[in-house]
């Protein structure tokens, strides 16, 4: 039986077409460690382990750990789908383009100050 963390990782692995061995290799972790996390036998891995897995899956650590609540509440479903699955399929130049847009929106919001009006 998997736990929430294992399920979240398995969903990401499926969307990326990664096997358990692929994830272990990309995350530079022992296959047994990955297996225990995916099966729910290890429900509270070390932060370094989570960072490696998140990096291998190209998601932030909090995406793996937050039970989906924050992401589900904040993100539009289409945006969440993009970042949880399709983000990994983008070439690096397109990822850079999306990052630049996000930075521009943040800067614009900062420039408007508190209250945010247009």
PDB file of N, CA and C in Angstrom:
ATOM      1  N   UNK A   1       0.848  -1.188   0.000  1.00  0.00           N
ATOM      2  CA  UNK A   1       0.000   0.000   0.000  1.00  0.00           C
ATOM      3  C   UNK A   1       0.888   1.244   0.000  1.00  0.00           C
ATOM      4  N   UNK A   2       0.633   2.134  -0.918  1.00  0.00           N
ATOM      5  CA  UNK A   2       1.424   3.360  -0.964  1.00  0.00           C
ATOM      6  C   UNK A   2       0.770   4.423  -0.104  1.00  0.00           C
ATOM      7  N   UNK A   3       1.577   5.387   0.310  1.00  0.00           N
ATOM      8  CA  UNK A   3       1.059   6.540   1.029  1.00  0.00           C
ATOM      9  C   UNK A   3       0.896   7.682   0.056  1.00  0.00           C
ATOM     10  N   UNK A   4       0.497   8.828   0.571  1.00  0.00           N
ATOM     11  CA  UNK A   4       0.295   9.983  -0.300  1.00  0.00           C
ATOM     12  C   UNK A   4       1.562  10.317  -1.085  1.00  0.00           C
ATOM     13  N   UNK A   5       2.693  10.362  -0.388  1.00  0.00           N
ATOM     14  CA  UNK A   5       3.952  10.724  -1.040  1.00  0.00           C
ATOM     15  C   UNK A   5       4.267   9.759  -2.175  1.00  0.00           C
ATOM     16  N   UNK A   6       4.155   8.470  -1.903  1.00  0.00           N
ATOM     17  CA  UNK A   6       4.416   7.468  -2.932  1.00  0.00           C
ATOM     18  C   UNK A   6       3.491   7.616  -4.126  1.00  0.00           C
ATOM     19  N   UNK A   7       2.209   7.884  -3.850  1.00  0.00           N
ATOM     20  CA  UNK A   7       1.241   8.067  -4.940  1.00  0.00           C
ATOM     21  C   UNK A   7       1.586   9.279  -5.796  1.00  0.00           C
ATOM     22  N   UNK A   8       1.964  10.355  -5.139  1.00  0.00           N
ATOM     23  CA  UNK A   8       2.302  11.590  -5.860  1.00  0.00           C
ATOM     24  C   UNK A   8       3.511  11.347  -6.771  1.00  0.00           C
ATOM     25  N   UNK A   9       4.520  10.681  -6.226  1.00  0.00           N
ATOM     26  CA  UNK A   9       5.723  10.380  -7.008  1.00  0.00           C
ATOM     27  C   UNK A   9       5.386   9.441  -8.165  1.00  0.00           C
ATOM     28  N   UNK A  10       4.582   8.416  -7.885  1.00  0.00           N
ATOM     29  CA  UNK A  10       4.202   7.471  -8.943  1.00  0.00           C
ATOM     30  C   UNK A  10       3.450   8.169 -10.077  1.00  0.00           C
ATOM     31  N   UNK A  11       2.561   9.100  -9.738  1.00  0.00           N
ATOM     32  CA  UNK A  11       1.837   9.846 -10.777  1.00  0.00           C
ATOM     33  C   UNK A  11       2.805  10.626 -11.666  1.00  0.00           C
ATOM     34  N   UNK A  12       3.771  11.281 -11.034  1.00  0.00           N
ATOM     35  CA  UNK A  12       4.762  12.033 -11.808  1.00  0.00           C
ATOM     36  C   UNK A  12       5.618  11.104 -12.657  1.00  0.00           C
ATOM     37  N   UNK A  13       6.003   9.975 -12.092  1.00  0.00           N
ATOM     38  CA  UNK A  13       6.802   9.008 -12.851  1.00  0.00           C
ATOM     39  C   UNK A  13       6.046   8.540 -14.091  1.00  0.00           C
ATOM     40  N   UNK A  14       4.754   8.245 -13.916  1.00  0.00           N
ATOM     41  CA  UNK A  14       3.937   7.807 -15.057  1.00  0.00           C
ATOM     42  C   UNK A  14       3.896   8.888 -16.136  1.00  0.00           C
ATOM     43  N   UNK A  15       3.700  10.136 -15.709  1.00  0.00           N
ATOM     44  CA  UNK A  15       3.594  11.216 -16.700  1.00  0.00           C
ATOM     45  C   UNK A  15       4.905  11.422 -17.454  1.00  0.00           C
ATOM     46  N   UNK A  16       6.008  11.051 -16.831  1.00  0.00           N
ATOM     47  CA  UNK A  16       7.321  11.198 -17.468  1.00  0.00           C
ATOM     48  C   UNK A  16       7.804   9.918 -18.132  1.00  0.00           C
ATOM     49  N   UNK A  17       7.062   8.837 -17.931  1.00  0.00           N
ATOM     50  CA  UNK A  17       7.475   7.552 -18.483  1.00  0.00           C
ATOM     51  C   UNK A  17       8.702   6.977 -17.800  1.00  0.00           C
ATOM     52  N   UNK A  18       8.857   7.254 -16.499  1.00  0.00           N
ATOM     53  CA  UNK A  18      10.019   6.769 -15.749  1.00  0.00           C
ATOM     54  C   UNK A  18       9.695   5.500 -14.980  1.00  0.00           C
ATOM     55  N   UNK A  19      10.619   4.592 -14.966  1.00  0.00           N
ATOM     56  CA  UNK A  19      10.501   3.406 -14.116  1.00  0.00           C
ATOM     57  C   UNK A  19      11.101   3.730 -12.750  1.00  0.00           C
ATOM     58  N   UNK A  20      10.910   2.824 -11.820  1.00  0.00           N
ATOM     59  CA  UNK A  20      11.492   2.991 -10.490  1.00  0.00           C
ATOM     60  C   UNK A  20      13.016   3.063 -10.587  1.00  0.00           C
ATOM     61  N   UNK A  21      13.595   2.222 -11.422  1.00  0.00           N
ATOM     62  CA  UNK A  21      15.050   2.226 -11.606  1.00  0.00           C
ATOM     63  C   UNK A  21      15.519   3.547 -12.227  1.00  0.00           C
ATOM     64  N   UNK A  22      14.736   4.069 -13.178  1.00  0.00           N
ATOM     65  CA  UNK A  22      15.075   5.364 -13.793  1.00  0.00           C
ATOM     66  C   UNK A  22      15.101   6.468 -12.743  1.00  0.00           C
ATOM     67  N   UNK A  23      14.075   6.488 -11.885  1.00  0.00           N
ATOM     68  CA  UNK A  23      14.008   7.517 -10.852  1.00  0.00           C
ATOM     69  C   UNK A  23      15.185   7.395  -9.896  1.00  0.00           C
ATOM     70  N   UNK A  24      15.494   6.193  -9.470  1.00  0.00           N
ATOM     71  CA  UNK A  24      16.620   5.987  -8.552  1.00  0.00           C
ATOM     72  C   UNK A  24      17.918   6.505  -9.179  1.00  0.00           C
ATOM     73  N   UNK A  25      18.104   6.213 -10.444  1.00  0.00           N
ATOM     74  CA  UNK A  25      19.318   6.646 -11.145  1.00  0.00           C
ATOM     75  C   UNK A  25      19.357   8.179 -11.267  1.00  0.00           C
ATOM     76  N   UNK A  26      18.251   8.781 -11.708  1.00  0.00           N
ATOM     77  CA  UNK A  26      18.207  10.244 -11.876  1.00  0.00           C
ATOM     78  C   UNK A  26      18.362  10.975 -10.551  1.00  0.00           C
ATOM     79  N   UNK A  27      17.808  10.388  -9.476  1.00  0.00           N
ATOM     80  CA  UNK A  27      17.860  11.027  -8.156  1.00  0.00           C
ATOM     81  C   UNK A  27      19.138  10.673  -7.399  1.00  0.00           C
ATOM     82  N   UNK A  28      19.943   9.805  -7.964  1.00  0.00           N
ATOM     83  CA  UNK A  28      21.185   9.354  -7.317  1.00  0.00           C
ATOM     84  C   UNK A  28      20.897   8.783  -5.925  1.00  0.00           C
ATOM     85  N   UNK A  29      19.908   7.873  -5.893  1.00  0.00           N
ATOM     86  CA  UNK A  29      19.507   7.218  -4.649  1.00  0.00           C
ATOM     87  C   UNK A  29      19.523   5.712  -4.842  1.00  0.00           C
ATOM     88  N   UNK A  30      19.722   4.969  -3.750  1.00  0.00           N
ATOM     89  CA  UNK A  30      19.627   3.516  -3.862  1.00  0.00           C
ATOM     90  C   UNK A  30      18.217   3.100  -4.290  1.00  0.00           C
ATOM     91  N   UNK A  31      18.140   2.093  -5.134  1.00  0.00           N
ATOM     92  CA  UNK A  31      16.838   1.607  -5.597  1.00  0.00           C
ATOM     93  C   UNK A  31      15.957   1.183  -4.425  1.00  0.00           C
ATOM     94  N   UNK A  32      16.565   0.626  -3.380  1.00  0.00           N
ATOM     95  CA  UNK A  32      15.791   0.189  -2.209  1.00  0.00           C
ATOM     96  C   UNK A  32      15.127   1.373  -1.508  1.00  0.00           C
ATOM     97  N   UNK A  33      15.804   2.505  -1.457  1.00  0.00           N
ATOM     98  CA  UNK A  33      15.225   3.706  -0.834  1.00  0.00           C
ATOM     99  C   UNK A  33      14.006   4.164  -1.614  1.00  0.00           C
ATOM    100  N   UNK A  34      14.140   4.240  -2.923  1.00  0.00           N
ATOM    101  CA  UNK A  34      13.022   4.652  -3.771  1.00  0.00           C
ATOM    102  C   UNK A  34      11.867   3.667  -3.617  1.00  0.00           C
ATOM    103  N   UNK A  35      12.163   2.391  -3.598  1.00  0.00           N
ATOM    104  CA  UNK A  35      11.131   1.370  -3.442  1.00  0.00           C
ATOM    105  C   UNK A  35      10.360   1.537  -2.141  1.00  0.00           C
ATOM    106  N   UNK A  36      11.070   1.781  -1.043  1.00  0.00           N
ATOM    107  CA  UNK A  36      10.405   1.949   0.261  1.00  0.00           C
ATOM    108  C   UNK A  36       9.520   3.194   0.276  1.00  0.00           C
ATOM    109  N   UNK A  37       9.967   4.258  -0.357  1.00  0.00           N
ATOM    110  CA  UNK A  37       9.153   5.482  -0.405  1.00  0.00           C
ATOM    111  C   UNK A  37       7.903   5.248  -1.247  1.00  0.00           C
ATOM    112  N   UNK A  38       8.066   4.636  -2.404  1.00  0.00           N
ATOM    113  CA  UNK A  38       6.928   4.397  -3.291  1.00  0.00           C
ATOM    114  C   UNK A  38       5.910   3.446  -2.681  1.00  0.00           C
ATOM    115  N   UNK A  39       6.376   2.485  -1.897  1.00  0.00           N
ATOM    116  CA  UNK A  39       5.464   1.504  -1.298  1.00  0.00           C
ATOM    117  C   UNK A  39       4.835   1.998  -0.004  1.00  0.00           C
ATOM    118  N   UNK A  40       5.303   3.140   0.502  1.00  0.00           N
ATOM    119  CA  UNK A  40       4.767   3.670   1.749  1.00  0.00           C
ATOM    120  C   UNK A  40       5.461   3.141   2.990  1.00  0.00           C
ATOM    121  N   UNK A  41       6.474   2.286   2.819  1.00  0.00           N
ATOM    122  CA  UNK A  41       7.214   1.760   3.969  1.00  0.00           C
ATOM    123  C   UNK A  41       8.056   2.846   4.621  1.00  0.00           C
ATOM    124  N   UNK A  42       8.400   3.839   3.849  1.00  0.00           N
ATOM    125  CA  UNK A  42       9.181   4.968   4.370  1.00  0.00           C
ATOM    126  C   UNK A  42       8.395   6.239   4.059  1.00  0.00           C
ATOM    127  N   UNK A  43       7.584   6.660   5.019  1.00  0.00           N
ATOM    128  CA  UNK A  43       6.669   7.772   4.766  1.00  0.00           C
ATOM    129  C   UNK A  43       7.256   9.133   5.115  1.00  0.00           C
ATOM    130  N   UNK A  44       8.401   9.149   5.780  1.00  0.00           N
ATOM    131  CA  UNK A  44       8.994  10.418   6.191  1.00  0.00           C
ATOM    132  C   UNK A  44      10.482  10.446   5.824  1.00  0.00           C
ATOM    133  N   UNK A  45      10.781  10.494   4.518  1.00  0.00           N
ATOM    134  CA  UNK A  45      12.192  10.480   4.107  1.00  0.00           C
ATOM    135  C   UNK A  45      12.908  11.776   4.480  1.00  0.00           C
ATOM    136  N   UNK A  46      14.228  11.709   4.498  1.00  0.00           N
ATOM    137  CA  UNK A  46      15.040  12.896   4.801  1.00  0.00           C
ATOM    138  C   UNK A  46      14.821  13.958   3.727  1.00  0.00           C
ATOM    139  N   UNK A  47      15.021  15.207   4.127  1.00  0.00           N
ATOM    140  CA  UNK A  47      14.829  16.321   3.204  1.00  0.00           C
ATOM    141  C   UNK A  47      15.740  16.193   1.981  1.00  0.00           C
ATOM    142  N   UNK A  48      16.976  15.774   2.182  1.00  0.00           N
ATOM    143  CA  UNK A  48      17.897  15.613   1.060  1.00  0.00           C
ATOM    144  C   UNK A  48      17.361  14.585   0.065  1.00  0.00           C
ATOM    145  N   UNK A  49      16.770  13.527   0.575  1.00  0.00           N
ATOM    146  CA  UNK A  49      16.189  12.501  -0.292  1.00  0.00           C
ATOM    147  C   UNK A  49      15.036  13.089  -1.099  1.00  0.00           C
ATOM    148  N   UNK A  50      14.174  13.846  -0.426  1.00  0.00           N
ATOM    149  CA  UNK A  50      13.056  14.487  -1.129  1.00  0.00           C
ATOM    150  C   UNK A  50      13.550  15.473  -2.184  1.00  0.00           C
ATOM    151  N   UNK A  51      14.581  16.217  -1.849  1.00  0.00           N
ATOM    152  CA  UNK A  51      15.136  17.179  -2.819  1.00  0.00           C
ATOM    153  C   UNK A  51      15.638  16.466  -4.069  1.00  0.00           C
ATOM    154  N   UNK A  52      16.313  15.361  -3.868  1.00  0.00           N
ATOM    155  CA  UNK A  52      16.838  14.611  -5.018  1.00  0.00           C
ATOM    156  C   UNK A  52      15.707  14.084  -5.897  1.00  0.00           C
ATOM    157  N   UNK A  53      14.667  13.564  -5.248  1.00  0.00           N
ATOM    158  CA  UNK A  53      13.528  13.043  -6.009  1.00  0.00           C
ATOM    159  C   UNK A  53      12.826  14.183  -6.739  1.00  0.00           C
ATOM    160  N   UNK A  54      12.593  15.280  -6.039  1.00  0.00           N
ATOM    161  CA  UNK A  54      11.925  16.428  -6.664  1.00  0.00           C
ATOM    162  C   UNK A  54      12.733  16.941  -7.853  1.00  0.00           C
ATOM    163  N   UNK A  55      14.034  17.030  -7.683  1.00  0.00           N
ATOM    164  CA  UNK A  55      14.896  17.491  -8.777  1.00  0.00           C
ATOM    165  C   UNK A  55      14.813  16.536  -9.965  1.00  0.00           C
ATOM    166  N   UNK A  56      14.833  15.242  -9.689  1.00  0.00           N
ATOM    167  CA  UNK A  56      14.754  14.249 -10.763  1.00  0.00           C
ATOM    168  C   UNK A  56      13.421  14.333 -11.506  1.00  0.00           C
ATOM    169  N   UNK A  57      12.365  14.728 -10.786  1.00  0.00           N
ATOM    170  CA  UNK A  57      11.034  14.835 -11.387  1.00  0.00           C
ATOM    171  C   UNK A  57      10.719  16.254 -11.861  1.00  0.00           C
ATOM    172  N   UNK A  58      11.664  17.171 -11.625  1.00  0.00           N
ATOM    173  CA  UNK A  58      11.530  18.569 -12.044  1.00  0.00           C
ATOM    174  C   UNK A  58      10.311  19.258 -11.427  1.00  0.00           C
ATOM    175  N   UNK A  59      10.114  19.013 -10.130  1.00  0.00           N
ATOM    176  CA  UNK A  59       9.043  19.674  -9.375  1.00  0.00           C
ATOM    177  C   UNK A  59       9.628  20.196  -8.071  1.00  0.00           C
ATOM    178  N   UNK A  60       8.983  21.187  -7.446  1.00  0.00           N
ATOM    179  CA  UNK A  60       9.461  21.633  -6.133  1.00  0.00           C
ATOM    180  C   UNK A  60       9.146  20.589  -5.062  1.00  0.00           C
ATOM    181  N   UNK A  61       9.933  20.572  -4.008  1.00  0.00           N
ATOM    182  CA  UNK A  61       9.728  19.616  -2.916  1.00  0.00           C
ATOM    183  C   UNK A  61       8.319  19.740  -2.355  1.00  0.00           C
ATOM    184  N   UNK A  62       7.829  20.966  -2.197  1.00  0.00           N
ATOM    185  CA  UNK A  62       6.498  21.118  -1.601  1.00  0.00           C
ATOM    186  C   UNK A  62       5.404  20.502  -2.455  1.00  0.00           C
ATOM    187  N   UNK A  63       5.632  20.354  -3.750  1.00  0.00           N
ATOM    188  CA  UNK A  63       4.646  19.688  -4.602  1.00  0.00           C
ATOM    189  C   UNK A  63       4.490  18.228  -4.186  1.00  0.00           C
ATOM    190  N   UNK A  64       5.587  17.623  -3.774  1.00  0.00           N
ATOM    191  CA  UNK A  64       5.532  16.226  -3.345  1.00  0.00           C
ATOM    192  C   UNK A  64       4.875  16.070  -1.982  1.00  0.00           C
ATOM    193  N   UNK A  65       5.007  17.070  -1.140  1.00  0.00           N
ATOM    194  CA  UNK A  65       4.656  16.922   0.277  1.00  0.00           C
ATOM    195  C   UNK A  65       3.358  17.561   0.722  1.00  0.00           C
ATOM    196  N   UNK A  66       2.744  18.399  -0.062  1.00  0.00           N
ATOM    197  CA  UNK A  66       1.643  19.198   0.472  1.00  0.00           C
ATOM    198  C   UNK A  66       0.265  18.590   0.314  1.00  0.00           C
ATOM    199  N   UNK A  67       0.186  17.314   0.034  1.00  0.00           N
ATOM    200  CA  UNK A  67      -1.098  16.631  -0.166  1.00  0.00           C
ATOM    201  C   UNK A  67      -1.929  17.275  -1.266  1.00  0.00           C
ATOM    202  N   UNK A  68      -1.281  18.079  -2.093  1.00  0.00           N
ATOM    203  CA  UNK A  68      -1.972  18.702  -3.206  1.00  0.00           C
ATOM    204  C   UNK A  68      -2.854  19.868  -2.824  1.00  0.00           C
ATOM    205  N   UNK A  69      -3.042  20.090  -1.524  1.00  0.00           N
ATOM    206  CA  UNK A  69      -3.989  21.122  -1.102  1.00  0.00           C
ATOM    207  C   UNK A  69      -3.600  22.494  -1.607  1.00  0.00           C
ATOM    208  N   UNK A  70      -2.384  22.922  -1.324  1.00  0.00           N
ATOM    209  CA  UNK A  70      -2.001  24.273  -1.723  1.00  0.00           C
ATOM    210  C   UNK A  70      -2.065  24.418  -3.237  1.00  0.00           C
ATOM    211  N   UNK A  71      -1.481  23.483  -3.954  1.00  0.00           N
ATOM    212  CA  UNK A  71      -1.495  23.575  -5.411  1.00  0.00           C
ATOM    213  C   UNK A  71      -2.916  23.538  -5.945  1.00  0.00           C
ATOM    214  N   UNK A  72      -3.743  22.635  -5.414  1.00  0.00           N
ATOM    215  CA  UNK A  72      -5.103  22.502  -5.905  1.00  0.00           C
ATOM    216  C   UNK A  72      -5.924  23.748  -5.614  1.00  0.00           C
ATOM    217  N   UNK A  73      -5.674  24.387  -4.482  1.00  0.00           N
ATOM    218  CA  UNK A  73      -6.451  25.558  -4.116  1.00  0.00           C
ATOM    219  C   UNK A  73      -6.000  26.792  -4.881  1.00  0.00           C
ATOM    220  N   UNK A  74      -4.714  26.884  -5.167  1.00  0.00           N
ATOM    221  CA  UNK A  74      -4.181  28.096  -5.769  1.00  0.00           C
ATOM    222  C   UNK A  74      -4.241  28.050  -7.287  1.00  0.00           C
ATOM    223  N   UNK A  75      -3.933  26.925  -7.875  1.00  0.00           N
ATOM    224  CA  UNK A  75      -3.795  26.865  -9.320  1.00  0.00           C
ATOM    225  C   UNK A  75      -5.084  26.490 -10.027  1.00  0.00           C
ATOM    226  N   UNK A  76      -5.288  27.116 -11.132  1.00  0.00           N
ATOM    227  CA  UNK A  76      -6.321  26.726 -12.068  1.00  0.00           C
ATOM    228  C   UNK A  76      -5.988  25.295 -12.503  1.00  0.00           C
ATOM    229  N   UNK A  77      -6.985  24.416 -12.663  1.00  0.00           N
ATOM    230  CA  UNK A  77      -6.698  23.019 -13.028  1.00  0.00           C
ATOM    231  C   UNK A  77      -5.855  22.880 -14.295  1.00  0.00           C
ATOM    232  N   UNK A  78      -6.083  23.750 -15.276  1.00  0.00           N
ATOM    233  CA  UNK A  78      -5.303  23.681 -16.515  1.00  0.00           C
ATOM    234  C   UNK A  78      -3.833  24.009 -16.254  1.00  0.00           C
ATOM    235  N   UNK A  79      -3.600  25.000 -15.399  1.00  0.00           N
ATOM    236  CA  UNK A  79      -2.227  25.381 -15.063  1.00  0.00           C
ATOM    237  C   UNK A  79      -1.559  24.275 -14.265  1.00  0.00           C
ATOM    238  N   UNK A  80      -2.283  23.692 -13.307  1.00  0.00           N
ATOM    239  CA  UNK A  80      -1.697  22.613 -12.515  1.00  0.00           C
ATOM    240  C   UNK A  80      -1.321  21.434 -13.404  1.00  0.00           C
ATOM    241  N   UNK A  81      -2.194  21.072 -14.338  1.00  0.00           N
ATOM    242  CA  UNK A  81      -1.895  19.975 -15.246  1.00  0.00           C
ATOM    243  C   UNK A  81      -0.627  20.274 -16.037  1.00  0.00           C
ATOM    244  N   UNK A  82      -0.509  21.502 -16.519  1.00  0.00           N
ATOM    245  CA  UNK A  82       0.667  21.893 -17.287  1.00  0.00           C
ATOM    246  C   UNK A  82       1.935  21.712 -16.467  1.00  0.00           C
ATOM    247  N   UNK A  83       1.938  22.242 -15.229  1.00  0.00           N
ATOM    248  CA  UNK A  83       3.151  22.184 -14.433  1.00  0.00           C
ATOM    249  C   UNK A  83       3.408  20.807 -13.850  1.00  0.00           C
ATOM    250  N   UNK A  84       2.377  20.010 -13.636  1.00  0.00           N
ATOM    251  CA  UNK A  84       2.610  18.691 -13.056  1.00  0.00           C
ATOM    252  C   UNK A  84       2.979  17.662 -14.109  1.00  0.00           C
ATOM    253  N   UNK A  85       2.548  17.866 -15.340  1.00  0.00           N
ATOM    254  CA  UNK A  85       2.831  16.863 -16.344  1.00  0.00           C
ATOM    255  C   UNK A  85       3.524  17.393 -17.574  1.00  0.00           C
ATOM    256  N   UNK A  86       2.963  18.404 -18.174  1.00  0.00           N
ATOM    257  CA  UNK A  86       3.478  18.873 -19.448  1.00  0.00           C
ATOM    258  C   UNK A  86       4.759  19.683 -19.332  1.00  0.00           C
ATOM    259  N   UNK A  87       5.014  20.277 -18.176  1.00  0.00           N
ATOM    260  CA  UNK A  87       6.234  21.067 -17.978  1.00  0.00           C
ATOM    261  C   UNK A  87       7.460  20.254 -18.363  1.00  0.00           C
ATOM    262  N   UNK A  88       7.465  18.997 -17.990  1.00  0.00           N
ATOM    263  CA  UNK A  88       8.621  18.129 -18.220  1.00  0.00           C
ATOM    264  C   UNK A  88       8.858  17.870 -19.707  1.00  0.00           C
ATOM    265  N   UNK A  89       7.830  18.087 -20.497  1.00  0.00           N
ATOM    266  CA  UNK A  89       7.953  17.817 -21.924  1.00  0.00           C
ATOM    267  C   UNK A  89       8.486  19.009 -22.713  1.00  0.00           C
ATOM    268  N   UNK A  90       8.509  20.184 -22.082  1.00  0.00           N
ATOM    269  CA  UNK A  90       8.967  21.386 -22.782  1.00  0.00           C
ATOM    270  C   UNK A  90      10.475  21.394 -22.975  1.00  0.00           C
ATOM    271  N   UNK A  91      10.937  21.883 -24.112  1.00  0.00           N
ATOM    272  CA  UNK A  91      12.377  22.078 -24.279  1.00  0.00           C
ATOM    273  C   UNK A  91      12.842  23.204 -23.350  1.00  0.00           C
ATOM    274  N   UNK A  92      14.102  23.215 -23.037  1.00  0.00           N
ATOM    275  CA  UNK A  92      14.638  24.171 -22.060  1.00  0.00           C
ATOM    276  C   UNK A  92      14.397  25.622 -22.472  1.00  0.00           C
ATOM    277  N   UNK A  93      14.472  25.939 -23.759  1.00  0.00           N
ATOM    278  CA  UNK A  93      14.250  27.328 -24.174  1.00  0.00           C
ATOM    279  C   UNK A  93      12.816  27.777 -23.895  1.00  0.00           C
ATOM    280  N   UNK A  94      11.842  26.873 -24.020  1.00  0.00           N
ATOM    281  CA  UNK A  94      10.458  27.226 -23.708  1.00  0.00           C
ATOM    282  C   UNK A  94      10.250  27.351 -22.198  1.00  0.00           C
ATOM    283  N   UNK A  95      10.928  26.524 -21.416  1.00  0.00           N
ATOM    284  CA  UNK A  95      10.860  26.663 -19.956  1.00  0.00           C
ATOM    285  C   UNK A  95      11.413  28.024 -19.541  1.00  0.00           C
ATOM    286  N   UNK A  96      12.513  28.432 -20.175  1.00  0.00           N
ATOM    287  CA  UNK A  96      13.092  29.748 -19.880  1.00  0.00           C
ATOM    288  C   UNK A  96      12.106  30.864 -20.211  1.00  0.00           C
ATOM    289  N   UNK A  97      11.394  30.727 -21.314  1.00  0.00           N
ATOM    290  CA  UNK A  97      10.406  31.713 -21.718  1.00  0.00           C
ATOM    291  C   UNK A  97       9.305  31.828 -20.662  1.00  0.00           C
ATOM    292  N   UNK A  98       8.792  30.698 -20.179  1.00  0.00           N
ATOM    293  CA  UNK A  98       7.755  30.702 -19.138  1.00  0.00           C
ATOM    294  C   UNK A  98       8.294  31.344 -17.862  1.00  0.00           C
ATOM    295  N   UNK A  99       9.522  31.022 -17.491  1.00  0.00           N
ATOM    296  CA  UNK A  99      10.125  31.620 -16.290  1.00  0.00           C
ATOM    297  C   UNK A  99      10.227  33.144 -16.429  1.00  0.00           C
ATOM    298  N   UNK A 100      10.606  33.615 -17.621  1.00  0.00           N
ATOM    299  CA  UNK A 100      10.706  35.063 -17.837  1.00  0.00           C
ATOM    300  C   UNK A 100       9.344  35.739 -17.679  1.00  0.00           C
ATOM    301  N   UNK A 101       8.312  35.115 -18.199  1.00  0.00           N
ATOM    302  CA  UNK A 101       6.965  35.678 -18.062  1.00  0.00           C
ATOM    303  C   UNK A 101       6.566  35.746 -16.593  1.00  0.00           C
ATOM    304  N   UNK A 102       6.842  34.693 -15.843  1.00  0.00           N
ATOM    305  CA  UNK A 102       6.513  34.682 -14.413  1.00  0.00           C
ATOM    306  C   UNK A 102       7.262  35.797 -13.696  1.00  0.00           C
ATOM    307  N   UNK A 103       8.548  35.971 -14.017  1.00  0.00           N
ATOM    308  CA  UNK A 103       9.319  37.059 -13.393  1.00  0.00           C
ATOM    309  C   UNK A 103       8.724  38.424 -13.749  1.00  0.00           C
ATOM    310  N   UNK A 104       8.311  38.600 -15.000  1.00  0.00           N
ATOM    311  CA  UNK A 104       7.720  39.876 -15.413  1.00  0.00           C
ATOM    312  C   UNK A 104       6.422  40.150 -14.650  1.00  0.00           C
ATOM    313  N   UNK A 105       5.600  39.138 -14.477  1.00  0.00           N
ATOM    314  CA  UNK A 105       4.346  39.311 -13.735  1.00  0.00           C
ATOM    315  C   UNK A 105       4.640  39.673 -12.287  1.00  0.00           C
ATOM    316  N   UNK A 106       5.618  39.010 -11.682  1.00  0.00           N
ATOM    317  CA  UNK A 106       5.988  39.330 -10.297  1.00  0.00           C
ATOM    318  C   UNK A 106       6.473  40.771 -10.177  1.00  0.00           C
ATOM    319  N   UNK A 107       7.333  41.190 -11.093  1.00  0.00           N
ATOM    320  CA  UNK A 107       7.854  42.560 -11.060  1.00  0.00           C
ATOM    321  C   UNK A 107       6.732  43.577 -11.244  1.00  0.00           C
ATOM    322  N   UNK A 108       5.824  43.282 -12.136  1.00  0.00           N
ATOM    323  CA  UNK A 108       4.686  44.183 -12.362  1.00  0.00           C
ATOM    324  C   UNK A 108       3.832  44.292 -11.102  1.00  0.00           C
ATOM    325  N   UNK A 109       3.613  43.153 -10.455  1.00  0.00           N
ATOM    326  CA  UNK A 109       2.814  43.152  -9.230  1.00  0.00           C
ATOM    327  C   UNK A 109       3.513  43.943  -8.134  1.00  0.00           C
ATOM    328  N   UNK A 110       4.841  43.763  -8.010  1.00  0.00           N
ATOM    329  CA  UNK A 110       5.615  44.524  -7.011  1.00  0.00           C
ATOM    330  C   UNK A 110       5.526  46.019  -7.283  1.00  0.00           C
ATOM    331  N   UNK A 111       5.620  46.396  -8.553  1.00  0.00           N
ATOM    332  CA  UNK A 111       5.594  47.810  -8.923  1.00  0.00           C
ATOM    333  C   UNK A 111       4.251  48.459  -8.587  1.00  0.00           C
ATOM    334  N   UNK A 112       3.188  47.672  -8.662  1.00  0.00           N
ATOM    335  CA  UNK A 112       1.867  48.204  -8.325  1.00  0.00           C
ATOM    336  C   UNK A 112       1.706  48.406  -6.831  1.00  0.00           C
ATOM    337  N   UNK A 113       2.482  47.661  -6.049  1.00  0.00           N
ATOM    338  CA  UNK A 113       2.432  47.809  -4.595  1.00  0.00           C
ATOM    339  C   UNK A 113       1.218  47.149  -3.974  1.00  0.00           C
ATOM    340  N   UNK A 114       1.013  47.391  -2.659  1.00  0.00           N
ATOM    341  CA  UNK A 114      -0.110  46.785  -1.939  1.00  0.00           C
ATOM    342  C   UNK A 114      -1.441  47.172  -2.577  1.00  0.00           C
ATOM    343  N   UNK A 115      -2.338  46.236  -2.582  1.00  0.00           N
ATOM    344  CA  UNK A 115      -3.650  46.483  -3.173  1.00  0.00           C
ATOM    345  C   UNK A 115      -3.718  46.055  -4.620  1.00  0.00           C
ATOM    346  N   UNK A 116      -2.584  46.089  -5.299  1.00  0.00           N
ATOM    347  CA  UNK A 116      -2.415  45.510  -6.616  1.00  0.00           C
ATOM    348  C   UNK A 116      -3.160  46.100  -7.783  1.00  0.00           C
ATOM    349  N   UNK A 117      -4.006  47.065  -7.702  1.00  0.00           N
ATOM    350  CA  UNK A 117      -4.826  47.551  -8.812  1.00  0.00           C
ATOM    351  C   UNK A 117      -4.138  47.571 -10.156  1.00  0.00           C
ATOM    352  N   UNK A 118      -4.879  47.841 -11.207  1.00  0.00           N
ATOM    353  CA  UNK A 118      -4.295  47.854 -12.555  1.00  0.00           C
ATOM    354  C   UNK A 118      -3.840  49.214 -12.980  1.00  0.00           C
TER     355      UNK A 118
END
